[in-house]
Amino acid sequence: MAQEFNAIPETELEKQEEKAREILGSAGKNLVIHSDWKFDNDKNIQVGDNFLVNYN
């Protein structure tokens, strides 16, 4: 799943958000995740509103 997310170009923010929501257990409003995102136990990850993950 991480490889699929990281293969989406940074210019395609809607596709990135859609894939991230598919991967995560749950997420609130304003979800932003920059690639190269690395994670384990994806369905166990729950984040709230205004969540930002930077790369590395």
Protein backbone atom coordinates (compact mmCIF):
# COMPACT_ATOMS: atom_id res chain seq x y z
CA MET A 1 0.00 0.00 0.00
CA ALA A 2 2.79 2.47 0.80
CA GLN A 3 4.32 1.91 -2.64
CA GLU A 4 0.98 2.66 -4.28
CA PHE A 5 0.60 5.88 -2.30
CA ASN A 6 4.18 6.99 -2.94
CA ALA A 7 3.77 6.37 -6.70
CA ILE A 8 1.09 9.08 -6.91
CA PRO A 9 2.66 12.42 -7.98
CA GLU A 10 2.61 15.26 -5.42
CA THR A 11 0.62 17.29 -7.97
CA GLU A 12 -2.32 14.87 -7.66
CA LEU A 13 -3.41 15.79 -4.14
CA GLU A 14 -6.94 14.41 -4.49
CA LYS A 15 -5.63 11.00 -5.57
CA GLN A 16 -3.13 11.03 -2.68
CA GLU A 17 -5.88 11.82 -0.18
CA GLU A 18 -8.17 9.15 -1.64
CA LYS A 19 -5.43 6.50 -1.38
CA ALA A 20 -4.46 7.62 2.15
CA ARG A 21 -8.09 7.31 3.29
CA GLU A 22 -8.19 3.83 1.77
CA ILE A 23 -5.04 2.89 3.71
CA LEU A 24 -5.83 4.45 7.11
CA GLY A 25 -8.29 3.12 9.64
CA SER A 26 -9.93 6.56 9.82
CA ALA A 27 -9.09 10.21 9.11
CA GLY A 28 -10.75 13.55 9.77
CA LYS A 29 -11.02 16.68 7.62
CA ASN A 30 -8.01 18.31 5.93
CA LEU A 31 -5.79 15.26 5.55
CA VAL A 32 -2.39 15.99 3.93
CA ILE A 33 0.31 13.35 3.59
CA HIS A 34 3.49 13.95 1.61
CA SER A 35 5.33 11.07 -0.03
CA ASP A 36 7.72 9.24 0.68
CA TRP A 37 5.38 7.99 3.39
CA LYS A 38 6.39 4.91 5.38
CA PHE A 39 4.00 3.17 7.74
CA ASP A 40 3.11 -0.11 9.45
CA ASN A 41 -0.24 -1.49 10.59
CA ASP A 42 -2.11 0.88 8.31
CA LYS A 43 -5.67 0.00 9.32
CA ASN A 44 -4.72 0.60 12.97
CA ILE A 45 -3.76 4.22 12.24
CA GLN A 46 -6.45 6.77 13.09
CA VAL A 47 -5.92 10.51 12.69
CA GLY A 48 -8.11 13.52 13.40
CA ASP A 49 -8.80 16.83 11.65
CA ASN A 50 -6.05 19.01 10.16
CA PHE A 51 -3.50 16.18 10.03
CA LEU A 52 -0.23 16.75 8.14
CA VAL A 53 2.56 14.22 7.59
CA ASN A 54 5.76 15.44 5.99
CA TYR A 55 8.20 13.24 4.12
CA ASN A 56 10.96 11.11 5.70
